[in-house]
């Protein structure tokens, strides 16, 4: 009979080890699954409008965290952004996308005038991202919902790629956020294209 050594059990990872390491992915999948269940057979125009109104929040988070210069601020910035999105959605005075795009423009001006903690090159990349993603959101709102779904899905999918690049480079936002956001973004794009 062979005796078990401490090394034999240490080599075998605990069944929940992968889940603990990939909790942002698991959380993102759960959030999107709940959204799919809650939205049911949502109208295309409503789905496109809702996701387009929220899309500008994604580059805004990157801009704000970049200007703060502290990736650990990412999750609190997301929390504040979500509170703002839900508060704006509950009123009929101004569209969420209008406020989010205006805030992104203000942060861009702030960065251009004040300077940035990570330098002009990184700021320039974030600025281009903000213009592209906000542009796709606004274009998706301006056109027919059948075309808008593809523009908005492209915005969410491309932002997912953006997140995974930032995850790989370990720049601007926290790694856990980049993973979580990347998974959500890609799954939202799939939802827009195939489940709405």
N, C-alpha and C. Protein backbone atom coordinates (compact mmCIF):
# COMPACT_ATOMS: atom_id res chain seq x y z
N UNK A 1 0.84 -1.17 0.00
CA UNK A 1 0.00 0.00 0.00
C UNK A 1 0.89 1.24 0.00
N UNK A 2 0.53 2.18 -0.82
CA UNK A 2 1.34 3.38 -0.96
C UNK A 2 0.78 4.48 -0.06
N UNK A 3 1.67 5.12 0.68
CA UNK A 3 1.25 6.19 1.59
C UNK A 3 1.07 7.48 0.80
N UNK A 4 0.08 8.27 1.18
CA UNK A 4 -0.14 9.57 0.53
C UNK A 4 0.82 10.59 1.11
N UNK A 5 1.40 11.31 0.24
CA UNK A 5 2.32 12.35 0.69
C UNK A 5 1.58 13.68 0.63
N UNK A 6 2.05 14.66 1.39
CA UNK A 6 1.39 15.97 1.34
C UNK A 6 1.42 16.57 -0.06
N UNK A 7 2.43 16.21 -0.83
CA UNK A 7 2.55 16.77 -2.18
C UNK A 7 1.51 16.20 -3.13
N UNK A 8 1.08 14.98 -2.89
CA UNK A 8 0.09 14.36 -3.78
C UNK A 8 -1.24 15.09 -3.71
N UNK A 9 -1.65 15.53 -2.54
CA UNK A 9 -2.92 16.26 -2.43
C UNK A 9 -2.76 17.72 -2.82
N UNK A 10 -1.58 18.27 -2.65
CA UNK A 10 -1.36 19.67 -3.01
C UNK A 10 -1.39 19.87 -4.52
N UNK A 11 -1.04 18.83 -5.27
CA UNK A 11 -1.01 18.96 -6.73
C UNK A 11 -2.42 19.00 -7.32
N UNK A 12 -3.38 18.44 -6.63
CA UNK A 12 -4.74 18.41 -7.12
C UNK A 12 -5.47 19.66 -6.63
N UNK A 13 -5.90 20.54 -7.55
CA UNK A 13 -6.59 21.76 -7.09
C UNK A 13 -7.98 21.43 -6.55
N UNK A 14 -8.42 22.24 -5.64
CA UNK A 14 -9.76 22.11 -5.08
C UNK A 14 -10.77 22.37 -6.20
N UNK A 15 -11.90 21.67 -6.20
CA UNK A 15 -12.89 21.84 -7.27
C UNK A 15 -13.37 23.29 -7.45
N UNK A 16 -13.37 24.07 -6.40
CA UNK A 16 -13.84 25.46 -6.52
C UNK A 16 -12.72 26.44 -6.83
N UNK A 17 -11.48 25.94 -6.98
CA UNK A 17 -10.35 26.84 -7.22
C UNK A 17 -10.52 27.63 -8.51
N UNK A 18 -10.98 26.98 -9.57
CA UNK A 18 -11.17 27.68 -10.84
C UNK A 18 -12.24 28.76 -10.70
N UNK A 19 -13.31 28.46 -9.99
CA UNK A 19 -14.38 29.44 -9.79
C UNK A 19 -13.88 30.63 -8.99
N UNK A 20 -13.06 30.37 -7.98
CA UNK A 20 -12.52 31.48 -7.18
C UNK A 20 -11.60 32.36 -8.02
N UNK A 21 -10.84 31.74 -8.91
CA UNK A 21 -9.95 32.51 -9.78
C UNK A 21 -10.73 33.28 -10.84
N UNK A 22 -11.78 32.70 -11.34
CA UNK A 22 -12.53 33.28 -12.44
C UNK A 22 -13.87 33.85 -11.98
N UNK A 23 -13.94 34.33 -10.75
CA UNK A 23 -15.21 34.85 -10.24
C UNK A 23 -15.75 35.99 -11.09
N UNK A 24 -14.91 36.87 -11.69
CA UNK A 24 -15.51 37.90 -12.54
C UNK A 24 -16.27 37.32 -13.73
N UNK A 25 -15.73 36.25 -14.32
CA UNK A 25 -16.41 35.61 -15.44
C UNK A 25 -17.73 34.99 -14.99
N UNK A 26 -17.71 34.29 -13.86
CA UNK A 26 -18.93 33.67 -13.34
C UNK A 26 -19.98 34.73 -13.01
N UNK A 27 -19.56 35.82 -12.38
CA UNK A 27 -20.49 36.90 -12.04
C UNK A 27 -21.07 37.53 -13.31
N UNK A 28 -20.24 37.76 -14.31
CA UNK A 28 -20.71 38.36 -15.56
C UNK A 28 -21.74 37.45 -16.24
N UNK A 29 -21.45 36.17 -16.30
CA UNK A 29 -22.39 35.23 -16.93
C UNK A 29 -23.71 35.20 -16.17
N UNK A 30 -23.65 35.26 -14.85
CA UNK A 30 -24.88 35.28 -14.04
C UNK A 30 -25.68 36.55 -14.28
N UNK A 31 -25.01 37.69 -14.35
CA UNK A 31 -25.69 38.97 -14.58
C UNK A 31 -26.41 38.95 -15.93
N UNK A 32 -25.72 38.49 -16.96
CA UNK A 32 -26.33 38.45 -18.30
C UNK A 32 -27.47 37.43 -18.34
N UNK A 33 -27.29 36.28 -17.70
CA UNK A 33 -28.37 35.28 -17.67
C UNK A 33 -29.61 35.85 -16.99
N UNK A 34 -29.43 36.54 -15.88
CA UNK A 34 -30.57 37.17 -15.20
C UNK A 34 -31.22 38.22 -16.09
N UNK A 35 -30.42 38.98 -16.83
CA UNK A 35 -30.95 39.99 -17.73
C UNK A 35 -31.76 39.34 -18.86
N UNK A 36 -31.26 38.24 -19.40
CA UNK A 36 -31.98 37.54 -20.46
C UNK A 36 -33.32 37.02 -19.93
N UNK A 37 -33.31 36.45 -18.74
CA UNK A 37 -34.54 35.92 -18.14
C UNK A 37 -35.52 37.06 -17.85
N UNK A 38 -35.01 38.16 -17.28
CA UNK A 38 -35.87 39.29 -16.92
C UNK A 38 -36.45 39.99 -18.14
N UNK A 39 -35.68 40.06 -19.22
CA UNK A 39 -36.17 40.79 -20.40
C UNK A 39 -37.16 39.97 -21.21
N UNK A 40 -37.15 38.65 -21.05
CA UNK A 40 -38.12 37.80 -21.75
C UNK A 40 -38.12 38.05 -23.24
N UNK A 41 -39.28 38.25 -23.79
CA UNK A 41 -39.40 38.52 -25.22
C UNK A 41 -39.49 40.03 -25.44
N UNK A 42 -38.42 40.70 -25.13
CA UNK A 42 -38.36 42.16 -25.22
C UNK A 42 -38.40 42.60 -26.68
N UNK A 43 -39.06 43.71 -26.92
CA UNK A 43 -39.12 44.32 -28.24
C UNK A 43 -37.71 44.74 -28.67
N UNK A 44 -37.41 44.60 -29.96
CA UNK A 44 -36.08 44.95 -30.48
C UNK A 44 -35.75 46.41 -30.18
N UNK A 45 -36.70 47.30 -30.42
CA UNK A 45 -36.44 48.73 -30.19
C UNK A 45 -36.12 49.01 -28.72
N UNK A 46 -36.84 48.36 -27.81
CA UNK A 46 -36.57 48.56 -26.38
C UNK A 46 -35.20 48.03 -25.99
N UNK A 47 -34.86 46.85 -26.49
CA UNK A 47 -33.55 46.25 -26.17
C UNK A 47 -32.42 47.10 -26.72
N UNK A 48 -32.54 47.50 -27.98
CA UNK A 48 -31.50 48.33 -28.59
C UNK A 48 -31.38 49.65 -27.85
N UNK A 49 -32.52 50.26 -27.54
CA UNK A 49 -32.50 51.53 -26.82
C UNK A 49 -31.86 51.41 -25.45
N UNK A 50 -32.22 50.38 -24.71
CA UNK A 50 -31.66 50.19 -23.37
C UNK A 50 -30.16 49.97 -23.39
N UNK A 51 -29.70 49.10 -24.28
CA UNK A 51 -28.26 48.82 -24.33
C UNK A 51 -27.49 50.00 -24.93
N UNK A 52 -28.11 50.74 -25.86
CA UNK A 52 -27.44 51.92 -26.42
C UNK A 52 -27.33 53.03 -25.38
N UNK A 53 -28.37 53.19 -24.57
CA UNK A 53 -28.33 54.22 -23.52
C UNK A 53 -27.24 53.94 -22.49
N UNK A 54 -26.94 52.67 -22.27
CA UNK A 54 -25.96 52.27 -21.26
C UNK A 54 -24.54 52.21 -21.81
N UNK A 55 -24.38 51.96 -23.10
CA UNK A 55 -23.05 51.78 -23.70
C UNK A 55 -22.06 52.91 -23.38
N UNK A 56 -22.45 54.19 -23.39
CA UNK A 56 -21.46 55.24 -23.08
C UNK A 56 -20.88 55.16 -21.67
N UNK A 57 -21.54 54.43 -20.77
CA UNK A 57 -20.98 54.27 -19.42
C UNK A 57 -19.64 53.54 -19.47
N UNK A 58 -19.48 52.62 -20.40
CA UNK A 58 -18.28 51.78 -20.45
C UNK A 58 -17.01 52.61 -20.69
N UNK A 59 -16.95 53.44 -21.74
CA UNK A 59 -15.73 54.25 -21.90
C UNK A 59 -15.61 55.33 -20.82
N UNK A 60 -16.75 55.79 -20.29
CA UNK A 60 -16.70 56.79 -19.23
C UNK A 60 -15.98 56.24 -18.00
N UNK A 61 -16.23 54.98 -17.66
CA UNK A 61 -15.54 54.36 -16.53
C UNK A 61 -14.04 54.37 -16.77
N UNK A 62 -13.62 53.98 -17.96
CA UNK A 62 -12.19 53.98 -18.29
C UNK A 62 -11.60 55.39 -18.19
N UNK A 63 -12.31 56.38 -18.70
CA UNK A 63 -11.81 57.76 -18.65
C UNK A 63 -11.66 58.25 -17.22
N UNK A 64 -12.67 58.01 -16.40
CA UNK A 64 -12.63 58.49 -15.01
C UNK A 64 -11.52 57.78 -14.24
N UNK A 65 -11.44 56.47 -14.36
CA UNK A 65 -10.40 55.72 -13.64
C UNK A 65 -9.02 56.14 -14.13
N UNK A 66 -8.89 56.38 -15.43
CA UNK A 66 -7.61 56.86 -15.97
C UNK A 66 -7.23 58.19 -15.35
N UNK A 67 -8.19 59.10 -15.24
CA UNK A 67 -7.90 60.42 -14.67
C UNK A 67 -7.61 60.34 -13.18
N UNK A 68 -8.27 59.44 -12.48
CA UNK A 68 -7.98 59.25 -11.06
C UNK A 68 -6.58 58.66 -10.90
N UNK A 69 -6.21 57.79 -11.83
CA UNK A 69 -4.89 57.19 -11.80
C UNK A 69 -4.75 56.02 -10.85
N UNK A 70 -5.88 55.45 -10.42
CA UNK A 70 -5.85 54.34 -9.45
C UNK A 70 -6.80 53.24 -9.92
N UNK A 71 -6.28 52.15 -10.47
CA UNK A 71 -7.15 51.07 -10.93
C UNK A 71 -8.08 50.52 -9.85
N UNK A 72 -7.67 50.60 -8.58
CA UNK A 72 -8.53 50.08 -7.51
C UNK A 72 -9.80 50.92 -7.35
N UNK A 73 -9.88 52.06 -8.00
CA UNK A 73 -11.09 52.87 -7.97
C UNK A 73 -12.14 52.38 -8.97
N UNK A 74 -11.80 51.39 -9.78
CA UNK A 74 -12.69 50.95 -10.86
C UNK A 74 -14.06 50.50 -10.37
N UNK A 75 -14.10 49.61 -9.41
CA UNK A 75 -15.39 49.09 -8.94
C UNK A 75 -16.25 50.18 -8.30
N UNK A 76 -15.70 51.07 -7.45
CA UNK A 76 -16.54 52.17 -6.95
C UNK A 76 -17.03 53.10 -8.06
N UNK A 77 -16.20 53.34 -9.07
CA UNK A 77 -16.63 54.18 -10.20
C UNK A 77 -17.77 53.48 -10.95
N UNK A 78 -17.66 52.17 -11.14
CA UNK A 78 -18.76 51.41 -11.76
C UNK A 78 -20.03 51.55 -10.93
N UNK A 79 -19.92 51.40 -9.61
CA UNK A 79 -21.10 51.53 -8.74
C UNK A 79 -21.76 52.88 -8.89
N UNK A 80 -20.96 53.94 -8.87
CA UNK A 80 -21.51 55.30 -9.05
C UNK A 80 -22.14 55.44 -10.43
N UNK A 81 -21.50 54.88 -11.44
CA UNK A 81 -22.05 54.95 -12.79
C UNK A 81 -23.37 54.23 -12.93
N UNK A 82 -23.48 53.06 -12.31
CA UNK A 82 -24.74 52.32 -12.37
C UNK A 82 -25.86 53.04 -11.64
N UNK A 83 -25.54 53.64 -10.50
CA UNK A 83 -26.54 54.44 -9.78
C UNK A 83 -27.02 55.57 -10.68
N UNK A 84 -26.09 56.24 -11.35
CA UNK A 84 -26.46 57.33 -12.26
C UNK A 84 -27.33 56.83 -13.41
N UNK A 85 -26.96 55.70 -14.00
CA UNK A 85 -27.74 55.16 -15.13
C UNK A 85 -29.16 54.82 -14.69
N UNK A 86 -29.30 54.15 -13.54
CA UNK A 86 -30.65 53.79 -13.07
C UNK A 86 -31.45 55.03 -12.68
N UNK A 87 -30.80 56.02 -12.07
CA UNK A 87 -31.50 57.26 -11.72
C UNK A 87 -31.95 58.00 -12.98
N UNK A 88 -31.08 58.06 -13.98
CA UNK A 88 -31.43 58.74 -15.22
C UNK A 88 -32.54 58.00 -15.97
N UNK A 89 -32.53 56.68 -15.90
CA UNK A 89 -33.56 55.89 -16.59
C UNK A 89 -34.93 56.06 -15.96
N UNK A 90 -34.96 56.47 -14.69
CA UNK A 90 -36.24 56.60 -13.99
C UNK A 90 -36.90 57.95 -14.22
N UNK A 91 -36.28 58.81 -14.98
CA UNK A 91 -36.87 60.12 -15.28
C UNK A 91 -37.00 60.30 -16.79
N UNK A 92 -37.81 61.24 -17.20
CA UNK A 92 -38.04 61.46 -18.63
C UNK A 92 -37.55 62.82 -19.10
N UNK A 93 -36.65 63.45 -18.36
CA UNK A 93 -36.20 64.79 -18.72
C UNK A 93 -35.08 64.73 -19.75
N UNK A 94 -34.09 63.89 -19.51
CA UNK A 94 -32.94 63.80 -20.41
C UNK A 94 -32.53 62.33 -20.52
N UNK A 95 -32.11 61.94 -21.71
CA UNK A 95 -31.70 60.55 -21.95
C UNK A 95 -30.39 60.25 -21.23
N UNK A 96 -30.28 59.03 -20.74
CA UNK A 96 -29.05 58.59 -20.06
C UNK A 96 -27.83 58.78 -20.95
N UNK A 97 -27.98 58.42 -22.22
CA UNK A 97 -26.84 58.52 -23.14
C UNK A 97 -26.37 59.96 -23.28
N UNK A 98 -27.29 60.91 -23.27
CA UNK A 98 -26.91 62.32 -23.38
C UNK A 98 -26.04 62.74 -22.21
N UNK A 99 -26.46 62.37 -21.01
CA UNK A 99 -25.69 62.73 -19.81
C UNK A 99 -24.34 62.02 -19.80
N UNK A 100 -24.32 60.73 -20.13
CA UNK A 100 -23.08 59.97 -20.10
C UNK A 100 -22.08 60.48 -21.14
N UNK A 101 -22.56 60.80 -22.34
CA UNK A 101 -21.68 61.35 -23.37
C UNK A 101 -21.16 62.72 -22.95
N UNK A 102 -22.03 63.55 -22.36
CA UNK A 102 -21.59 64.87 -21.87
C UNK A 102 -20.54 64.72 -20.77
N UNK A 103 -20.74 63.76 -19.87
CA UNK A 103 -19.74 63.52 -18.82
C UNK A 103 -18.42 63.04 -19.41
N UNK A 104 -18.49 62.16 -20.41
CA UNK A 104 -17.27 61.68 -21.07
C UNK A 104 -16.54 62.85 -21.72
N UNK A 105 -17.29 63.74 -22.38
CA UNK A 105 -16.67 64.92 -23.00
C UNK A 105 -16.03 65.81 -21.94
N UNK A 106 -16.70 65.98 -20.80
CA UNK A 106 -16.14 66.80 -19.72
C UNK A 106 -14.85 66.19 -19.18
N UNK A 107 -14.82 64.87 -19.02
CA UNK A 107 -13.60 64.21 -18.53
C UNK A 107 -12.49 64.33 -19.57
N UNK A 108 -12.83 64.26 -20.85
CA UNK A 108 -11.83 64.46 -21.89
C UNK A 108 -11.23 65.86 -21.83
N UNK A 109 -12.08 66.86 -21.64
CA UNK A 109 -11.58 68.24 -21.51
C UNK A 109 -10.72 68.36 -20.26
N UNK A 110 -11.18 67.78 -19.15
CA UNK A 110 -10.42 67.79 -17.90
C UNK A 110 -9.04 67.18 -18.12
N UNK A 111 -8.97 66.06 -18.79
CA UNK A 111 -7.69 65.41 -19.05
C UNK A 111 -6.80 66.22 -19.97
N UNK A 112 -7.40 66.86 -20.96
CA UNK A 112 -6.62 67.68 -21.89
C UNK A 112 -6.04 68.90 -21.20
N UNK A 113 -6.80 69.50 -20.29
CA UNK A 113 -6.34 70.71 -19.60
C UNK A 113 -5.43 70.40 -18.41
N UNK A 114 -5.77 69.41 -17.64
CA UNK A 114 -5.05 69.10 -16.41
C UNK A 114 -3.84 68.21 -16.63
N UNK A 115 -3.89 67.41 -17.67
CA UNK A 115 -2.87 66.38 -17.84
C UNK A 115 -3.40 65.09 -17.26
N UNK A 116 -2.65 64.03 -17.46
CA UNK A 116 -3.12 62.73 -17.03
C UNK A 116 -2.05 61.97 -16.28
N UNK A 117 -2.45 61.13 -15.32
CA UNK A 117 -1.47 60.38 -14.54
C UNK A 117 -0.68 59.35 -15.36
N UNK A 118 -1.28 58.84 -16.44
CA UNK A 118 -0.62 57.79 -17.22
C UNK A 118 0.01 58.32 -18.50
N UNK A 119 -0.01 59.62 -18.70
CA UNK A 119 0.62 60.20 -19.89
C UNK A 119 -0.36 60.41 -21.03
N UNK A 120 0.09 61.22 -21.97
CA UNK A 120 -0.74 61.61 -23.12
C UNK A 120 -1.08 60.44 -24.04
N UNK A 121 -0.15 59.52 -24.23
CA UNK A 121 -0.41 58.41 -25.16
C UNK A 121 -1.58 57.56 -24.68
N UNK A 122 -1.56 57.18 -23.42
CA UNK A 122 -2.65 56.37 -22.87
C UNK A 122 -3.95 57.16 -22.88
N UNK A 123 -3.87 58.45 -22.55
CA UNK A 123 -5.05 59.30 -22.58
C UNK A 123 -5.62 59.37 -24.00
N UNK A 124 -4.74 59.49 -24.99
CA UNK A 124 -5.18 59.54 -26.38
C UNK A 124 -5.93 58.28 -26.79
N UNK A 125 -5.42 57.13 -26.36
CA UNK A 125 -6.09 55.86 -26.66
C UNK A 125 -7.47 55.83 -26.00
N UNK A 126 -7.55 56.27 -24.74
CA UNK A 126 -8.84 56.29 -24.04
C UNK A 126 -9.80 57.27 -24.72
N UNK A 127 -9.28 58.39 -25.20
CA UNK A 127 -10.12 59.38 -25.88
C UNK A 127 -10.70 58.80 -27.17
N UNK A 128 -9.87 58.13 -27.95
CA UNK A 128 -10.36 57.50 -29.18
C UNK A 128 -11.42 56.46 -28.86
N UNK A 129 -11.17 55.65 -27.84
CA UNK A 129 -12.16 54.65 -27.43
C UNK A 129 -13.48 55.29 -27.04
N UNK A 130 -13.41 56.38 -26.28
CA UNK A 130 -14.63 57.06 -25.85
C UNK A 130 -15.42 57.58 -27.05
N UNK A 131 -14.73 58.18 -28.01
CA UNK A 131 -15.39 58.71 -29.20
C UNK A 131 -16.05 57.58 -30.00
N UNK A 132 -15.33 56.48 -30.19
CA UNK A 132 -15.87 55.36 -30.98
C UNK A 132 -17.07 54.73 -30.29
N UNK A 133 -16.94 54.40 -29.00
CA UNK A 133 -18.04 53.71 -28.31
C UNK A 133 -19.25 54.61 -28.11
N UNK A 134 -19.03 55.87 -27.77
CA UNK A 134 -20.16 56.81 -27.64
C UNK A 134 -20.80 57.03 -29.01
N UNK A 135 -19.98 57.11 -30.05
CA UNK A 135 -20.50 57.28 -31.41
C UNK A 135 -21.38 56.12 -31.84
N UNK A 136 -20.94 54.89 -31.55
CA UNK A 136 -21.75 53.72 -31.89
C UNK A 136 -23.06 53.71 -31.12
N UNK A 137 -23.02 54.12 -29.86
CA UNK A 137 -24.25 54.18 -29.06
C UNK A 137 -25.23 55.19 -29.64
N UNK A 138 -24.74 56.39 -29.93
CA UNK A 138 -25.62 57.43 -30.46
C UNK A 138 -26.13 57.08 -31.85
N UNK A 139 -25.27 56.49 -32.68
CA UNK A 139 -25.72 56.06 -34.01
C UNK A 139 -26.79 54.98 -33.89
N UNK A 140 -26.60 54.05 -32.96
CA UNK A 140 -27.59 52.99 -32.75
C UNK A 140 -28.94 53.53 -32.32
N UNK A 141 -28.92 54.64 -31.58
CA UNK A 141 -30.18 55.27 -31.16
C UNK A 141 -30.83 56.07 -32.29
N UNK A 142 -30.01 56.57 -33.22
CA UNK A 142 -30.52 57.47 -34.25
C UNK A 142 -31.14 56.74 -35.45
N UNK A 143 -30.74 55.50 -35.67
CA UNK A 143 -31.21 54.79 -36.86
C UNK A 143 -32.35 53.83 -36.49
N UNK A 144 -32.88 53.19 -37.51
CA UNK A 144 -33.93 52.18 -37.32
C UNK A 144 -33.41 51.09 -36.38
N UNK A 145 -34.25 50.62 -35.44
CA UNK A 145 -33.79 49.61 -34.48
C UNK A 145 -33.21 48.34 -35.10
N UNK A 146 -33.69 47.96 -36.29
CA UNK A 146 -33.14 46.75 -36.92
C UNK A 146 -31.68 46.95 -37.32
N UNK A 147 -31.31 48.14 -37.76
CA UNK A 147 -29.91 48.46 -38.03
C UNK A 147 -29.19 48.81 -36.74
N UNK A 148 -29.88 49.52 -35.86
CA UNK A 148 -29.29 49.95 -34.59
C UNK A 148 -28.80 48.79 -33.76
N UNK A 149 -29.50 47.65 -33.80
CA UNK A 149 -29.07 46.50 -33.01
C UNK A 149 -27.67 46.06 -33.41
N UNK A 150 -27.33 46.16 -34.71
CA UNK A 150 -25.99 45.75 -35.17
C UNK A 150 -24.93 46.76 -34.75
N UNK A 151 -25.27 48.04 -34.80
CA UNK A 151 -24.32 49.07 -34.36
C UNK A 151 -24.06 48.96 -32.86
N UNK A 152 -25.13 48.80 -32.09
CA UNK A 152 -24.98 48.71 -30.64
C UNK A 152 -24.28 47.40 -30.26
N UNK A 153 -24.63 46.31 -30.92
CA UNK A 153 -23.94 45.03 -30.66
C UNK A 153 -22.46 45.16 -31.00
N UNK A 154 -22.13 45.85 -32.09
CA UNK A 154 -20.72 46.06 -32.44
C UNK A 154 -20.02 46.87 -31.36
N UNK A 155 -20.70 47.88 -30.82
CA UNK A 155 -20.12 48.67 -29.74
C UNK A 155 -19.83 47.84 -28.51
N UNK A 156 -20.79 47.01 -28.10
CA UNK A 156 -20.60 46.15 -26.93
C UNK A 156 -19.52 45.11 -27.19
N UNK A 157 -19.54 44.48 -28.37
CA UNK A 157 -18.54 43.47 -28.67
C UNK A 157 -17.14 44.07 -28.71
N UNK A 158 -17.00 45.19 -29.41
CA UNK A 158 -15.68 45.83 -29.51
C UNK A 158 -15.20 46.31 -28.14
N UNK A 159 -16.12 46.75 -27.29
CA UNK A 159 -15.70 47.13 -25.95
C UNK A 159 -15.25 45.90 -25.16
N UNK A 160 -15.84 44.75 -25.43
CA UNK A 160 -15.37 43.51 -24.82
C UNK A 160 -13.93 43.22 -25.21
N UNK A 161 -13.63 43.39 -26.49
CA UNK A 161 -12.24 43.22 -26.96
C UNK A 161 -11.35 44.24 -26.26
N UNK A 162 -11.82 45.48 -26.16
CA UNK A 162 -11.10 46.55 -25.46
C UNK A 162 -10.77 46.12 -24.03
N UNK A 163 -11.76 45.56 -23.35
CA UNK A 163 -11.55 45.08 -21.98
C UNK A 163 -10.48 44.00 -21.91
N UNK A 164 -10.55 43.04 -22.83
CA UNK A 164 -9.59 41.93 -22.79
C UNK A 164 -8.17 42.41 -23.12
N UNK A 165 -8.05 43.41 -23.98
CA UNK A 165 -6.73 44.00 -24.23
C UNK A 165 -6.21 44.67 -22.96
N UNK A 166 -7.07 45.42 -22.28
CA UNK A 166 -6.66 46.06 -21.03
C UNK A 166 -6.35 45.03 -19.95
N UNK A 167 -7.08 43.92 -19.93
CA UNK A 167 -6.79 42.84 -18.99
C UNK A 167 -5.40 42.27 -19.26
N UNK A 168 -5.12 42.02 -20.52
CA UNK A 168 -3.81 41.46 -20.90
C UNK A 168 -2.67 42.42 -20.56
N UNK A 169 -2.89 43.72 -20.84
CA UNK A 169 -1.84 44.72 -20.58
C UNK A 169 -1.79 45.14 -19.12
N UNK A 170 -2.85 44.84 -18.36
CA UNK A 170 -2.97 45.25 -16.96
C UNK A 170 -2.81 46.76 -16.83
N UNK A 171 -3.62 47.48 -17.62
CA UNK A 171 -3.55 48.94 -17.64
C UNK A 171 -4.91 49.56 -17.37
N UNK A 172 -4.89 50.72 -16.82
CA UNK A 172 -6.00 51.65 -16.58
C UNK A 172 -6.97 51.15 -15.51
N UNK A 173 -7.72 50.08 -15.77
CA UNK A 173 -8.72 49.59 -14.82
C UNK A 173 -8.21 48.33 -14.12
N UNK A 174 -8.92 47.92 -13.07
CA UNK A 174 -8.51 46.70 -12.35
C UNK A 174 -8.71 45.48 -13.25
N UNK A 175 -7.89 44.48 -13.03
CA UNK A 175 -7.95 43.25 -13.84
C UNK A 175 -9.30 42.54 -13.66
N UNK A 176 -9.81 42.52 -12.43
CA UNK A 176 -11.09 41.84 -12.20
C UNK A 176 -12.22 42.53 -12.96
N UNK A 177 -12.18 43.86 -12.99
CA UNK A 177 -13.20 44.60 -13.73
C UNK A 177 -13.06 44.33 -15.22
N UNK A 178 -11.83 44.38 -15.74
CA UNK A 178 -11.63 44.16 -17.18
C UNK A 178 -12.16 42.80 -17.60
N UNK A 179 -11.91 41.78 -16.79
CA UNK A 179 -12.42 40.43 -17.10
C UNK A 179 -13.95 40.41 -17.04
N UNK A 180 -14.51 40.94 -15.96
CA UNK A 180 -15.96 40.97 -15.78
C UNK A 180 -16.64 41.72 -16.91
N UNK A 181 -16.14 42.91 -17.19
CA UNK A 181 -16.75 43.76 -18.21
C UNK A 181 -16.60 43.14 -19.60
N UNK A 182 -15.44 42.55 -19.88
CA UNK A 182 -15.24 41.91 -21.18
C UNK A 182 -16.24 40.79 -21.43
N UNK A 183 -16.47 39.97 -20.42
CA UNK A 183 -17.42 38.87 -20.57
C UNK A 183 -18.83 39.41 -20.74
N UNK A 184 -19.21 40.37 -19.91
CA UNK A 184 -20.55 40.96 -20.05
C UNK A 184 -20.73 41.57 -21.43
N UNK A 185 -19.74 42.33 -21.88
CA UNK A 185 -19.86 43.02 -23.17
C UNK A 185 -20.08 42.04 -24.32
N UNK A 186 -19.29 40.98 -24.36
CA UNK A 186 -19.43 40.00 -25.44
C UNK A 186 -20.78 39.30 -25.34
N UNK A 187 -21.21 38.94 -24.15
CA UNK A 187 -22.50 38.27 -23.99
C UNK A 187 -23.68 39.19 -24.31
N UNK A 188 -23.56 40.48 -24.01
CA UNK A 188 -24.61 41.43 -24.38
C UNK A 188 -24.70 41.53 -25.91
N UNK A 189 -23.55 41.57 -26.57
CA UNK A 189 -23.55 41.61 -28.04
C UNK A 189 -24.25 40.38 -28.61
N UNK A 190 -23.95 39.21 -28.05
CA UNK A 190 -24.61 37.97 -28.48
C UNK A 190 -26.11 38.05 -28.21
N UNK A 191 -26.48 38.57 -27.05
CA UNK A 191 -27.89 38.72 -26.71
C UNK A 191 -28.60 39.61 -27.72
N UNK A 192 -27.98 40.74 -28.07
CA UNK A 192 -28.59 41.66 -29.03
C UNK A 192 -28.75 41.01 -30.41
N UNK A 193 -27.78 40.23 -30.81
CA UNK A 193 -27.82 39.65 -32.15
C UNK A 193 -28.73 38.43 -32.26
N UNK A 194 -28.81 37.63 -31.20
CA UNK A 194 -29.48 36.34 -31.33
C UNK A 194 -30.68 36.12 -30.42
N UNK A 195 -30.78 36.87 -29.33
CA UNK A 195 -31.84 36.57 -28.37
C UNK A 195 -32.93 37.62 -28.29
N UNK A 196 -32.79 38.70 -29.01
CA UNK A 196 -33.80 39.76 -28.96
C UNK A 196 -34.69 39.63 -30.17
